[in-house]
């Protein structure tokens, strides 16, 4: 579920217009219990340009990109099993994988 609210006075991001609160219900596929997590986002889109439904779609679209990218890095490049851990090596390897 996605909730949208006007920007509170104490949020001081330049050009921010709305705050987004996303409640995520996560199910453990291994048979364990599920959990709920809350994520917050700030957007420069006004309420006239983006209501809760549009912002929810944009948020889900971003996650689909993230999931595809991380699947490739984890499964194809086996990034989690990399033994490169010191100095600039991890950043160099990540750049090569992105390329």
N, C-alpha and C. Protein backbone atom coordinates (compact mmCIF):
# COMPACT_ATOMS: atom_id res chain seq x y z
N UNK A 1 0.85 -1.17 0.00
CA UNK A 1 0.00 0.00 0.00
C UNK A 1 0.90 1.24 0.00
N UNK A 2 0.52 2.20 -0.79
CA UNK A 2 1.28 3.45 -0.88
C UNK A 2 0.40 4.59 -0.40
N UNK A 3 0.96 5.39 0.51
CA UNK A 3 0.27 6.58 1.00
C UNK A 3 1.12 7.78 0.63
N UNK A 4 0.47 8.87 0.29
CA UNK A 4 1.16 10.09 -0.10
C UNK A 4 0.68 11.22 0.79
N UNK A 5 1.63 12.08 1.17
CA UNK A 5 1.28 13.23 2.01
C UNK A 5 2.04 14.45 1.52
N UNK A 6 1.49 15.64 1.76
CA UNK A 6 2.25 16.85 1.45
C UNK A 6 3.54 16.87 2.26
N UNK A 7 4.50 17.57 1.77
CA UNK A 7 5.81 17.63 2.42
C UNK A 7 5.72 18.36 3.75
N UNK A 8 6.14 17.69 4.85
CA UNK A 8 6.16 18.39 6.15
C UNK A 8 7.20 19.51 6.16
N UNK A 9 6.99 20.49 6.99
CA UNK A 9 7.89 21.65 7.07
C UNK A 9 9.32 21.25 7.41
N UNK A 10 9.50 20.22 8.26
CA UNK A 10 10.84 19.86 8.70
C UNK A 10 11.65 19.11 7.64
N UNK A 11 11.05 18.67 6.54
CA UNK A 11 11.80 18.02 5.47
C UNK A 11 12.37 19.11 4.58
N UNK A 12 13.69 19.15 4.49
CA UNK A 12 14.35 20.25 3.77
C UNK A 12 15.14 19.77 2.57
N UNK A 13 14.51 18.97 1.72
CA UNK A 13 15.13 18.57 0.47
C UNK A 13 14.77 19.60 -0.59
N UNK A 14 15.75 20.09 -1.36
CA UNK A 14 15.43 21.05 -2.41
C UNK A 14 14.47 20.43 -3.43
N UNK A 15 13.47 21.15 -3.83
CA UNK A 15 12.50 20.76 -4.86
C UNK A 15 11.58 19.61 -4.44
N UNK A 16 11.60 19.18 -3.20
CA UNK A 16 10.73 18.11 -2.74
C UNK A 16 9.30 18.63 -2.64
N UNK A 17 8.34 17.81 -3.08
CA UNK A 17 6.95 18.22 -3.07
C UNK A 17 6.05 17.29 -2.26
N UNK A 18 6.37 15.99 -2.23
CA UNK A 18 5.53 15.02 -1.53
C UNK A 18 6.40 14.00 -0.80
N UNK A 19 5.81 13.40 0.22
CA UNK A 19 6.42 12.29 0.93
C UNK A 19 5.60 11.05 0.62
N UNK A 20 6.30 9.96 0.36
CA UNK A 20 5.66 8.70 0.01
C UNK A 20 5.96 7.70 1.11
N UNK A 21 4.93 7.00 1.60
CA UNK A 21 5.10 5.96 2.60
C UNK A 21 4.60 4.67 1.97
N UNK A 22 5.49 3.67 1.84
CA UNK A 22 5.11 2.40 1.21
C UNK A 22 5.20 1.29 2.26
N UNK A 23 4.07 0.64 2.51
CA UNK A 23 4.04 -0.52 3.41
C UNK A 23 4.26 -1.76 2.55
N UNK A 24 5.30 -2.51 2.85
CA UNK A 24 5.63 -3.71 2.07
C UNK A 24 5.42 -4.94 2.93
N UNK A 25 4.67 -5.88 2.42
CA UNK A 25 4.45 -7.15 3.10
C UNK A 25 5.33 -8.19 2.42
N UNK A 26 6.30 -8.70 3.16
CA UNK A 26 7.30 -9.62 2.62
C UNK A 26 6.98 -11.03 3.11
N UNK A 27 6.91 -11.99 2.18
CA UNK A 27 6.63 -13.37 2.52
C UNK A 27 7.90 -14.19 2.35
N UNK A 28 8.24 -14.96 3.36
CA UNK A 28 9.40 -15.84 3.30
C UNK A 28 9.03 -17.07 2.50
N UNK A 29 9.66 -17.27 1.34
CA UNK A 29 9.33 -18.39 0.46
C UNK A 29 9.82 -19.73 1.01
N UNK A 30 10.69 -19.70 2.01
CA UNK A 30 11.20 -20.94 2.61
C UNK A 30 10.24 -21.50 3.65
N UNK A 31 9.10 -20.88 3.81
CA UNK A 31 8.10 -21.39 4.75
C UNK A 31 8.06 -20.69 6.08
N UNK A 32 8.94 -19.71 6.28
CA UNK A 32 8.94 -18.96 7.53
C UNK A 32 7.82 -17.94 7.55
N UNK A 33 7.74 -17.20 8.61
CA UNK A 33 6.69 -16.18 8.72
C UNK A 33 7.05 -14.96 7.88
N UNK A 34 6.05 -14.24 7.50
CA UNK A 34 6.25 -13.02 6.74
C UNK A 34 6.51 -11.85 7.65
N UNK A 35 6.81 -10.71 7.04
CA UNK A 35 7.04 -9.51 7.83
C UNK A 35 6.54 -8.30 7.05
N UNK A 36 6.43 -7.20 7.74
CA UNK A 36 6.02 -5.95 7.11
C UNK A 36 7.11 -4.93 7.34
N UNK A 37 7.47 -4.23 6.29
CA UNK A 37 8.46 -3.16 6.41
C UNK A 37 7.87 -1.89 5.82
N UNK A 38 8.31 -0.77 6.32
CA UNK A 38 7.83 0.52 5.86
C UNK A 38 9.00 1.25 5.21
N UNK A 39 8.77 1.77 4.00
CA UNK A 39 9.80 2.52 3.29
C UNK A 39 9.27 3.93 3.04
N UNK A 40 10.16 4.90 3.12
CA UNK A 40 9.79 6.29 2.91
C UNK A 40 10.54 6.81 1.68
N UNK A 41 9.90 7.69 0.94
CA UNK A 41 10.53 8.31 -0.23
C UNK A 41 10.08 9.76 -0.31
N UNK A 42 10.88 10.55 -0.97
CA UNK A 42 10.56 11.95 -1.21
C UNK A 42 10.60 12.17 -2.71
N UNK A 43 9.62 12.89 -3.24
CA UNK A 43 9.57 13.13 -4.67
C UNK A 43 9.37 14.61 -4.97
N UNK A 44 9.86 15.02 -6.12
CA UNK A 44 9.65 16.40 -6.55
C UNK A 44 8.36 16.54 -7.36
N UNK A 45 7.68 15.43 -7.64
CA UNK A 45 6.43 15.49 -8.39
C UNK A 45 5.32 16.05 -7.51
N UNK A 46 4.59 17.01 -8.02
CA UNK A 46 3.48 17.60 -7.26
C UNK A 46 2.31 16.62 -7.23
N UNK A 47 1.35 16.87 -6.35
CA UNK A 47 0.18 15.99 -6.27
C UNK A 47 -0.68 16.08 -7.53
N UNK A 48 -0.58 17.19 -8.28
CA UNK A 48 -1.31 17.29 -9.54
C UNK A 48 -0.68 16.41 -10.62
N UNK A 49 0.63 16.20 -10.55
CA UNK A 49 1.33 15.39 -11.56
C UNK A 49 1.40 13.91 -11.18
N UNK A 50 1.31 13.60 -9.88
CA UNK A 50 1.45 12.21 -9.46
C UNK A 50 0.66 11.95 -8.19
N UNK A 51 -0.39 11.13 -8.34
CA UNK A 51 -1.16 10.72 -7.17
C UNK A 51 -0.54 9.43 -6.61
N UNK A 52 -1.16 8.86 -5.60
CA UNK A 52 -0.62 7.66 -4.94
C UNK A 52 -0.49 6.49 -5.92
N UNK A 53 -1.45 6.32 -6.80
CA UNK A 53 -1.40 5.21 -7.76
C UNK A 53 -0.20 5.34 -8.70
N UNK A 54 0.03 6.54 -9.22
CA UNK A 54 1.17 6.73 -10.12
C UNK A 54 2.50 6.55 -9.39
N UNK A 55 2.61 7.11 -8.19
CA UNK A 55 3.84 6.96 -7.43
C UNK A 55 4.09 5.50 -7.06
N UNK A 56 3.03 4.76 -6.74
CA UNK A 56 3.18 3.33 -6.47
C UNK A 56 3.69 2.58 -7.69
N UNK A 57 3.18 2.93 -8.87
CA UNK A 57 3.65 2.32 -10.11
C UNK A 57 5.11 2.64 -10.39
N UNK A 58 5.50 3.89 -10.16
CA UNK A 58 6.90 4.27 -10.35
C UNK A 58 7.80 3.52 -9.38
N UNK A 59 7.36 3.37 -8.14
CA UNK A 59 8.14 2.64 -7.14
C UNK A 59 8.30 1.18 -7.52
N UNK A 60 7.22 0.53 -7.96
CA UNK A 60 7.30 -0.86 -8.39
C UNK A 60 8.16 -1.01 -9.63
N UNK A 61 8.10 -0.04 -10.54
CA UNK A 61 8.94 -0.08 -11.73
C UNK A 61 10.40 0.00 -11.39
N UNK A 62 10.75 0.82 -10.41
CA UNK A 62 12.14 0.92 -9.97
C UNK A 62 12.61 -0.40 -9.39
N UNK A 63 11.75 -1.06 -8.62
CA UNK A 63 12.14 -2.35 -8.04
C UNK A 63 12.33 -3.41 -9.11
N UNK A 64 11.54 -3.38 -10.19
CA UNK A 64 11.74 -4.38 -11.24
C UNK A 64 13.09 -4.19 -11.91
N UNK A 65 13.53 -2.93 -12.08
CA UNK A 65 14.86 -2.66 -12.63
C UNK A 65 15.92 -3.17 -11.66
N UNK A 66 15.77 -2.85 -10.39
CA UNK A 66 16.74 -3.28 -9.38
C UNK A 66 16.83 -4.81 -9.34
N UNK A 67 15.69 -5.48 -9.37
CA UNK A 67 15.70 -6.95 -9.30
C UNK A 67 16.40 -7.56 -10.50
N UNK A 68 16.16 -7.03 -11.70
CA UNK A 68 16.84 -7.57 -12.89
C UNK A 68 18.34 -7.34 -12.80
N UNK A 69 18.75 -6.14 -12.39
CA UNK A 69 20.16 -5.82 -12.30
C UNK A 69 20.84 -6.70 -11.26
N UNK A 70 20.23 -6.84 -10.09
CA UNK A 70 20.85 -7.64 -9.03
C UNK A 70 20.86 -9.12 -9.36
N UNK A 71 19.86 -9.61 -10.10
CA UNK A 71 19.86 -11.01 -10.50
C UNK A 71 21.06 -11.28 -11.39
N UNK A 72 21.30 -10.41 -12.35
CA UNK A 72 22.44 -10.59 -13.24
C UNK A 72 23.74 -10.56 -12.45
N UNK A 73 23.87 -9.58 -11.56
CA UNK A 73 25.11 -9.47 -10.78
C UNK A 73 25.30 -10.66 -9.85
N UNK A 74 24.23 -11.14 -9.22
CA UNK A 74 24.34 -12.24 -8.27
C UNK A 74 24.48 -13.60 -8.96
N UNK A 75 23.66 -13.85 -9.98
CA UNK A 75 23.63 -15.17 -10.60
C UNK A 75 24.67 -15.30 -11.72
N UNK A 76 24.67 -14.37 -12.65
CA UNK A 76 25.57 -14.48 -13.80
C UNK A 76 27.02 -14.19 -13.41
N UNK A 77 27.24 -13.09 -12.68
CA UNK A 77 28.60 -12.71 -12.33
C UNK A 77 29.05 -13.24 -10.97
N UNK A 78 28.16 -13.90 -10.23
CA UNK A 78 28.47 -14.45 -8.91
C UNK A 78 29.16 -13.42 -8.02
N UNK A 79 28.63 -12.20 -8.03
CA UNK A 79 29.25 -11.10 -7.29
C UNK A 79 29.34 -11.38 -5.79
N UNK A 80 28.35 -12.07 -5.24
CA UNK A 80 28.37 -12.35 -3.80
C UNK A 80 29.51 -13.29 -3.41
N UNK A 81 30.03 -14.05 -4.36
CA UNK A 81 31.10 -15.00 -4.07
C UNK A 81 32.48 -14.45 -4.42
N UNK A 82 32.54 -13.19 -4.80
CA UNK A 82 33.81 -12.59 -5.20
C UNK A 82 34.79 -12.57 -4.03
N UNK A 83 36.06 -12.84 -4.31
CA UNK A 83 37.10 -12.81 -3.29
C UNK A 83 37.84 -11.47 -3.27
N UNK A 84 37.45 -10.56 -4.17
CA UNK A 84 38.08 -9.24 -4.25
C UNK A 84 37.47 -8.37 -3.16
N UNK A 85 38.27 -8.00 -2.15
CA UNK A 85 37.70 -7.28 -1.01
C UNK A 85 38.55 -6.12 -0.51
N UNK A 86 39.70 -5.86 -1.09
CA UNK A 86 40.57 -4.83 -0.52
C UNK A 86 40.85 -3.72 -1.52
N UNK A 87 41.24 -2.58 -0.97
CA UNK A 87 41.62 -1.38 -1.73
C UNK A 87 40.51 -1.01 -2.71
N UNK A 88 40.86 -0.70 -3.93
CA UNK A 88 39.88 -0.28 -4.93
C UNK A 88 39.33 -1.43 -5.76
N UNK A 89 39.75 -2.65 -5.43
CA UNK A 89 39.33 -3.82 -6.21
C UNK A 89 37.82 -4.00 -6.35
N UNK A 90 37.06 -3.95 -5.25
CA UNK A 90 35.61 -4.14 -5.38
C UNK A 90 34.95 -3.10 -6.29
N UNK A 91 35.39 -1.84 -6.21
CA UNK A 91 34.80 -0.80 -7.05
C UNK A 91 35.16 -1.01 -8.52
N UNK A 92 36.40 -1.43 -8.77
CA UNK A 92 36.82 -1.70 -10.15
C UNK A 92 36.02 -2.86 -10.72
N UNK A 93 35.86 -3.93 -9.95
CA UNK A 93 35.10 -5.09 -10.43
C UNK A 93 33.63 -4.73 -10.66
N UNK A 94 33.04 -3.93 -9.77
CA UNK A 94 31.65 -3.51 -9.96
C UNK A 94 31.51 -2.67 -11.22
N UNK A 95 32.48 -1.81 -11.49
CA UNK A 95 32.45 -1.01 -12.71
C UNK A 95 32.54 -1.89 -13.94
N UNK A 96 33.40 -2.89 -13.91
CA UNK A 96 33.52 -3.81 -15.05
C UNK A 96 32.23 -4.59 -15.26
N UNK A 97 31.59 -5.03 -14.18
CA UNK A 97 30.32 -5.77 -14.30
C UNK A 97 29.22 -4.86 -14.85
N UNK A 98 29.23 -3.59 -14.46
CA UNK A 98 28.21 -2.65 -14.98
C UNK A 98 28.41 -2.39 -16.47
N UNK A 99 29.66 -2.39 -16.89
CA UNK A 99 29.96 -2.10 -18.28
C UNK A 99 29.49 -3.23 -19.13
